[in-house]
Amino acid sequence: MISFDERPPSTNWEAISLGNSSLALWSWFKPTHAPHSVAIRLPPELWQTPGYASLLTIRELAEAAGIDWLIGWTLYGQYFPVDERTAAYLDMPLTPAAAGIDPLLILWSQPVAMPQSIPAMAPAPAFQAGASDLAPGEDPRPYWESMAYHWDGFLKIENDLRRIRMQLEQSASRLSSLNRDLNSDEANAADNLDKKDWQDARRFLRDSASVLSRSIKEIDVGLTSGAGQRHKFADIVSQYLERRVPFVGMKQTAVDFEMYHRSAQNTLSAAQSALTKGSADGERRASLVLNRIAGKVRQKRNKARGMNS
């Protein structure tokens, strides 16, 4: 097995074998924007293959990638540093990604220190020596490009979040208007099964409204909002990224931008799922019951007119 440090950067997705099994996973080593990482695709089909689920652990996958010094991993958009708190997770079988979540695992390797015998390149005139945590002669452009790419991606998702928030509010308003007692005509026309179905439908309306409310709150005050970390990343963009000014911690910040972008993707996916659930489990179910009862109300009125004619 080739050590991660000895691997050249991938130019396309390549297969790695997992343990002594015949299972091969598609991986991308050392992408330009994150040269100390490997991305591994974890499609849901893996968990449908007998005997393989127990092999899908962080430790097994890190060993398959040849990583000797794992410092953290990103699973489905959430970053986990290797520490005392997360050590227990290394040998726990992974679970498949939820619907709409990117099935990607990123393993982060400890960068190898540059040998002291290698002479450092002179820094570019625009940068001051010691102004960042870059190694001597290390090109900062991949980090700028990574941050710019993920920030642009976040801004596009942010626009989508604004639109879907409005849709969530509209759906929540419709759920609220549907969640009512049957009027007198409906109550008189409905039989016991209709009334039971309506009580069940109202319970689904309340559950759906709760899901919509949580999603709206996540958009308003969650990680991707101004109340979360948006201002922090916007400040980095204006102070450093736009002016290409290096700073201490820029390597980790490039990783943070990627994680922030993925968090926004997950927030959007969750909001889309909540909107679908509100429509399917709430509005549709309630409308079907009310339409059925409304038909019985019309039948009763038509029968009454016939008797009076």
Protein backbone atom coordinates (compact mmCIF):
# COMPACT_ATOMS: atom_id res chain seq x y z
CA MET A 1 0.00 0.00 0.00
CA ILE A 2 1.33 3.43 -0.96
CA SER A 3 1.76 5.93 1.85
CA PHE A 4 -0.37 9.06 1.54
CA ASP A 5 2.75 11.27 1.63
CA GLU A 6 4.23 9.39 -1.36
CA ARG A 7 1.09 9.62 -3.48
CA PRO A 8 1.00 12.17 -6.28
CA PRO A 9 -2.11 14.38 -6.52
CA SER A 10 -4.98 12.73 -8.37
CA THR A 11 -5.89 13.87 -11.85
CA ASN A 12 -9.14 11.91 -11.80
CA TRP A 13 -11.10 9.71 -9.42
CA GLU A 14 -9.06 6.60 -8.60
CA ALA A 15 -9.91 3.36 -6.81
CA ILE A 16 -8.47 2.28 -3.45
CA SER A 17 -9.01 -1.13 -1.87
CA LEU A 18 -10.43 -1.45 1.62
CA GLY A 19 -8.53 -3.91 3.83
CA ASN A 20 -8.31 -7.46 2.50
CA SER A 21 -11.74 -7.25 0.91
CA SER A 22 -12.65 -6.86 -2.75
CA LEU A 23 -14.33 -3.55 -1.98
CA ALA A 24 -12.89 -0.58 -3.91
CA LEU A 25 -13.86 3.03 -3.29
CA TRP A 26 -13.47 6.05 -5.55
CA SER A 27 -11.04 8.57 -4.07
CA TRP A 28 -9.33 11.83 -5.00
CA PHE A 29 -5.95 12.46 -3.39
CA LYS A 30 -4.49 15.90 -2.63
CA PRO A 31 -6.84 18.23 -4.55
CA THR A 32 -5.34 21.62 -5.30
CA HIS A 33 -7.50 23.46 -2.78
CA ALA A 34 -6.76 20.92 0.01
CA PRO A 35 -3.39 19.24 -0.68
CA HIS A 36 -3.28 17.41 2.68
CA SER A 37 -6.56 15.59 2.22
CA VAL A 38 -8.22 12.74 0.35
CA ALA A 39 -11.88 12.74 -0.63
CA ILE A 40 -13.72 9.40 -0.67
CA ARG A 41 -17.16 8.78 -2.14
CA LEU A 42 -19.49 6.76 0.11
CA PRO A 43 -22.58 5.95 -2.01
CA PRO A 44 -25.56 4.38 -0.17
CA GLU A 45 -25.07 1.14 -2.12
CA LEU A 46 -22.07 0.31 0.08
CA TRP A 47 -24.35 -0.44 3.03
CA GLN A 48 -26.44 -2.78 0.90
CA THR A 49 -23.47 -5.08 0.26
CA PRO A 50 -23.34 -7.87 2.86
CA GLY A 51 -20.21 -7.92 5.02
CA TYR A 52 -18.92 -4.50 4.00
CA ALA A 53 -20.75 -2.24 6.45
CA SER A 54 -18.48 -3.26 9.35
CA LEU A 55 -15.41 -2.24 7.31
CA LEU A 56 -16.65 1.30 6.80
CA THR A 57 -14.93 2.97 9.74
CA ILE A 58 -12.72 6.05 9.79
CA ARG A 59 -9.70 4.00 10.88
CA GLU A 60 -10.14 1.43 8.09
CA LEU A 61 -10.60 4.14 5.47
CA ALA A 62 -7.59 6.13 6.70
CA GLU A 63 -5.43 3.00 6.54
CA ALA A 64 -6.71 2.25 3.03
CA ALA A 65 -5.69 5.77 1.99
CA GLY A 66 -2.22 5.29 3.50
CA ILE A 67 -2.64 8.07 6.06
CA ASP A 68 -0.24 7.55 8.97
CA TRP A 69 -1.16 10.70 10.91
CA LEU A 70 -4.86 11.50 10.74
CA ILE A 71 -5.72 14.91 12.22
CA GLY A 72 -9.44 14.96 11.44
CA TRP A 73 -12.18 14.07 9.02
CA THR A 74 -15.18 15.68 7.37
CA LEU A 75 -18.22 13.46 7.07
CA TYR A 76 -21.30 14.65 5.14
CA GLY A 77 -20.28 18.28 5.64
CA GLN A 78 -19.41 18.14 9.36
CA TYR A 79 -15.80 18.38 10.54
CA PHE A 80 -14.42 16.18 13.36
CA PRO A 81 -10.90 16.84 14.70
CA VAL A 82 -9.09 13.83 16.13
CA ASP A 83 -9.05 14.34 19.90
CA GLU A 84 -10.09 12.56 23.10
CA ARG A 85 -13.73 13.31 22.42
CA THR A 86 -13.80 11.87 18.90
CA ALA A 87 -11.33 8.98 19.36
CA ALA A 88 -14.20 6.58 20.06
CA TYR A 89 -15.69 7.36 16.63
CA LEU A 90 -12.64 6.03 14.75
CA ASP A 91 -13.79 2.41 15.00
CA MET A 92 -17.54 2.94 14.83
CA PRO A 93 -19.17 1.77 11.55
CA LEU A 94 -20.32 4.73 9.49
CA THR A 95 -23.94 5.26 8.50
CA PRO A 96 -25.08 6.27 5.01
CA ALA A 97 -25.79 9.90 4.19
CA ALA A 98 -29.34 11.17 4.53
CA ALA A 99 -31.26 11.93 1.35
CA GLY A 100 -29.95 15.05 -0.36
CA ILE A 101 -26.64 15.11 1.55
CA ASP A 102 -23.38 14.82 -0.41
CA PRO A 103 -22.03 11.29 0.35
CA LEU A 104 -18.45 12.51 0.71
CA LEU A 105 -15.83 11.71 3.36
CA ILE A 106 -12.69 13.86 3.57
CA LEU A 107 -9.71 12.59 5.55
CA TRP A 108 -7.16 15.19 6.67
CA SER A 109 -3.50 14.24 7.04
CA GLN A 110 -0.88 16.03 9.11
CA PRO A 111 1.26 18.05 6.66
CA VAL A 112 4.87 16.87 6.43
CA ALA A 113 7.36 19.50 7.54
CA MET A 114 9.68 20.79 4.83
CA PRO A 115 13.29 19.54 5.34
CA GLN A 116 15.56 22.30 6.58
CA SER A 117 18.18 21.43 3.93
CA ILE A 118 15.90 22.62 1.15
CA PRO A 119 16.49 26.33 0.54
CA ALA A 120 13.40 28.48 0.84
CA MET A 121 12.21 30.44 -2.15
CA ALA A 122 12.04 34.18 -1.78
CA PRO A 123 8.53 35.36 -0.93
CA ALA A 124 6.60 37.28 -3.54
CA PRO A 125 6.95 41.06 -3.16
CA ALA A 126 3.33 41.46 -2.07
CA PHE A 127 3.85 39.23 0.98
CA GLN A 128 5.88 39.76 4.11
CA ALA A 129 7.92 36.92 5.61
CA GLY A 130 6.33 35.63 8.80
CA ALA A 131 2.95 37.16 7.97
CA SER A 132 1.32 33.76 7.68
CA ASP A 133 1.74 30.11 8.60
CA LEU A 134 2.84 29.12 5.10
CA ALA A 135 6.01 27.07 4.79
CA PRO A 136 8.99 28.91 3.27
CA GLY A 137 8.38 29.27 -0.43
CA GLU A 138 4.88 27.77 -0.25
CA ASP A 139 2.51 29.18 -2.86
CA PRO A 140 -0.53 30.81 -1.19
CA ARG A 141 -2.62 30.85 -4.36
CA PRO A 142 -4.25 27.42 -3.86
CA TYR A 143 -5.56 28.62 -0.49
CA TRP A 144 -6.91 31.86 -1.98
CA GLU A 145 -8.54 29.94 -4.82
CA SER A 146 -10.09 27.45 -2.42
CA MET A 147 -11.51 30.17 -0.17
CA ALA A 148 -12.84 32.15 -3.15
CA TYR A 149 -14.45 29.05 -4.69
CA HIS A 150 -16.24 28.02 -1.51
CA TRP A 151 -17.28 31.60 -0.64
CA ASP A 152 -18.81 32.07 -4.12
CA GLY A 153 -20.58 28.74 -3.68
CA PHE A 154 -21.90 29.83 -0.31
CA LEU A 155 -23.25 33.12 -1.73
CA LYS A 156 -25.19 31.22 -4.40
CA ILE A 157 -26.65 28.89 -1.77
CA GLU A 158 -27.47 31.89 0.39
CA ASN A 159 -29.70 33.24 -2.39
CA ASP A 160 -31.40 29.84 -2.61
CA LEU A 161 -31.91 29.88 1.16
CA ARG A 162 -33.66 33.26 0.95
CA ARG A 163 -36.06 31.90 -1.67
CA ILE A 164 -36.79 28.67 0.13
CA ARG A 165 -37.29 30.52 3.42
CA MET A 166 -40.13 32.44 1.78
CA GLN A 167 -41.60 29.15 0.55
CA LEU A 168 -41.29 27.67 4.04
CA GLU A 169 -43.19 30.63 5.51
CA GLN A 170 -45.92 30.29 2.89
CA SER A 171 -46.23 26.57 3.57
CA ALA A 172 -46.32 27.19 7.33
CA SER A 173 -49.12 29.72 6.81
CA ARG A 174 -51.14 27.22 4.79
CA LEU A 175 -50.63 24.55 7.45
CA SER A 176 -51.84 26.97 10.11
CA SER A 177 -54.99 27.82 8.17
CA LEU A 178 -55.75 24.12 7.59
CA ASN A 179 -55.31 23.18 11.25
CA ARG A 180 -58.84 23.98 12.46
CA ASP A 181 -61.93 22.37 13.91
CA LEU A 182 -64.52 21.06 11.46
CA ASN A 183 -67.32 23.58 10.94
CA SER A 184 -70.88 22.62 11.79
CA ASP A 185 -71.75 21.41 8.26
CA GLU A 186 -68.59 19.32 8.06
CA ALA A 187 -69.08 17.87 11.55
CA ASN A 188 -72.67 16.88 10.73
CA ALA A 189 -71.71 15.27 7.41
CA ALA A 190 -68.61 13.45 8.66
CA ASP A 191 -68.84 9.94 10.07
CA ASN A 192 -66.65 8.59 12.86
CA LEU A 193 -63.93 7.45 10.44
CA ASP A 194 -63.83 10.90 8.83
CA LYS A 195 -63.46 12.55 12.23
CA LYS A 196 -60.70 10.16 13.23
CA ASP A 197 -58.88 10.77 9.96
CA TRP A 198 -59.21 14.51 10.49
CA GLN A 199 -57.70 14.27 13.97
CA ASP A 200 -54.80 12.29 12.49
CA ALA A 201 -54.44 14.86 9.72
CA ARG A 202 -54.30 17.68 12.28
CA ARG A 203 -51.55 15.82 14.13
CA PHE A 204 -49.58 15.62 10.87
CA LEU A 205 -50.23 19.32 10.32
CA ARG A 206 -48.74 20.15 13.72
CA ASP A 207 -45.74 17.87 13.14
CA SER A 208 -45.12 19.35 9.70
CA ALA A 209 -45.43 22.88 11.04
CA SER A 210 -42.83 22.04 13.68
CA VAL A 211 -40.44 20.77 11.01
CA LEU A 212 -40.93 23.95 8.97
CA SER A 213 -40.41 26.11 12.04
CA ARG A 214 -37.11 24.41 12.88
CA SER A 215 -35.89 24.84 9.32
CA ILE A 216 -36.80 28.53 9.29
CA LYS A 217 -35.00 28.99 12.61
CA GLU A 218 -31.90 27.24 11.26
CA ILE A 219 -31.83 29.62 8.30
CA ASP A 220 -32.41 32.68 10.52
CA VAL A 221 -30.03 32.02 13.41
CA GLY A 222 -28.05 28.89 12.44
CA LEU A 223 -24.43 28.51 11.45
CA THR A 224 -24.85 30.08 8.00
CA SER A 225 -26.72 33.15 9.25
CA GLY A 226 -25.51 36.52 10.48
CA ALA A 227 -26.23 35.30 13.99
CA GLY A 228 -23.96 32.31 13.25
CA GLN A 229 -20.62 32.60 11.47
CA ARG A 230 -21.45 34.51 8.30
CA HIS A 231 -19.95 37.80 9.52
CA LYS A 232 -16.74 36.01 10.51
CA PHE A 233 -16.21 34.66 7.00
CA ALA A 234 -17.34 37.90 5.35
CA ASP A 235 -14.73 39.79 7.39
CA ILE A 236 -12.02 37.38 6.27
CA VAL A 237 -13.10 37.92 2.66
CA SER A 238 -12.96 41.72 2.91
CA GLN A 239 -9.82 41.97 5.04
CA TYR A 240 -7.66 39.25 3.50
CA LEU A 241 -9.15 37.36 0.56
CA GLU A 242 -10.10 40.30 -1.68
CA ARG A 243 -6.73 41.98 -1.09
CA ARG A 244 -4.77 38.69 -1.13
CA VAL A 245 -3.16 39.47 2.23
CA PRO A 246 -1.70 36.35 3.91
CA PHE A 247 -2.42 35.75 7.57
CA VAL A 248 -1.63 33.29 10.32
CA GLY A 249 -4.07 30.38 10.18
CA MET A 250 -4.92 30.70 6.49
CA LYS A 251 -4.41 26.97 5.86
CA GLN A 252 -7.02 25.98 8.41
CA THR A 253 -9.21 28.88 7.27
CA ALA A 254 -9.25 27.42 3.75
CA VAL A 255 -10.55 24.19 5.28
CA ASP A 256 -13.07 26.17 7.34
CA PHE A 257 -14.40 27.85 4.18
CA GLU A 258 -14.98 24.44 2.61
CA MET A 259 -16.77 23.19 5.72
CA TYR A 260 -18.88 26.36 5.84
CA HIS A 261 -19.87 25.89 2.21
CA ARG A 262 -20.89 22.30 2.93
CA SER A 263 -22.85 23.39 6.01
CA ALA A 264 -24.81 25.78 3.80
CA GLN A 265 -25.46 22.93 1.33
CA ASN A 266 -26.75 20.74 4.16
CA THR A 267 -28.95 23.56 5.50
CA LEU A 268 -30.46 24.02 2.04
CA SER A 269 -31.01 20.27 1.61
CA ALA A 270 -32.69 20.09 5.01
CA ALA A 271 -34.94 23.05 4.13
CA GLN A 272 -35.94 21.43 0.82
CA SER A 273 -36.71 18.19 2.64
CA ALA A 274 -38.76 20.08 5.26
CA LEU A 275 -40.74 21.84 2.52
CA THR A 276 -41.49 18.53 0.80
CA LYS A 277 -42.47 16.91 4.10
CA GLY A 278 -44.74 19.86 4.97
CA SER A 279 -46.48 19.56 1.62
CA ALA A 280 -46.76 15.77 1.58
CA ASP A 281 -47.43 14.94 5.21
CA GLY A 282 -49.34 18.06 6.09
CA GLU A 283 -51.16 19.89 3.32
CA ARG A 284 -51.87 16.94 1.07
CA ARG A 285 -53.16 14.67 3.83
CA ALA A 286 -55.38 17.40 5.30
CA SER A 287 -56.71 18.42 1.89
CA LEU A 288 -57.65 14.83 1.04
CA VAL A 289 -59.68 14.44 4.24
CA LEU A 290 -61.35 17.85 3.90
CA ASN A 291 -62.21 17.21 0.25
CA ARG A 292 -63.77 13.89 1.18
CA ILE A 293 -65.87 15.51 3.90
CA ALA A 294 -66.79 18.39 1.57
CA GLY A 295 -68.16 15.83 -0.89
CA LYS A 296 -70.39 14.41 1.83
CA VAL A 297 -71.54 17.93 2.75
CA ARG A 298 -72.60 18.49 -0.88
CA GLN A 299 -74.36 15.15 -1.00
CA LYS A 300 -76.28 15.98 2.16
CA ARG A 301 -77.28 19.40 0.83
CA ASN A 302 -78.38 17.93 -2.52
CA LYS A 303 -80.43 15.32 -0.71
CA ALA A 304 -82.05 18.00 1.43
CA ARG A 305 -82.94 20.05 -1.68
CA GLY A 306 -84.46 16.99 -3.30
CA MET A 307 -86.66 16.36 -0.30
CA ASN A 308 -87.80 19.98 -0.22
CA SER A 309 -88.62 20.19 -3.94
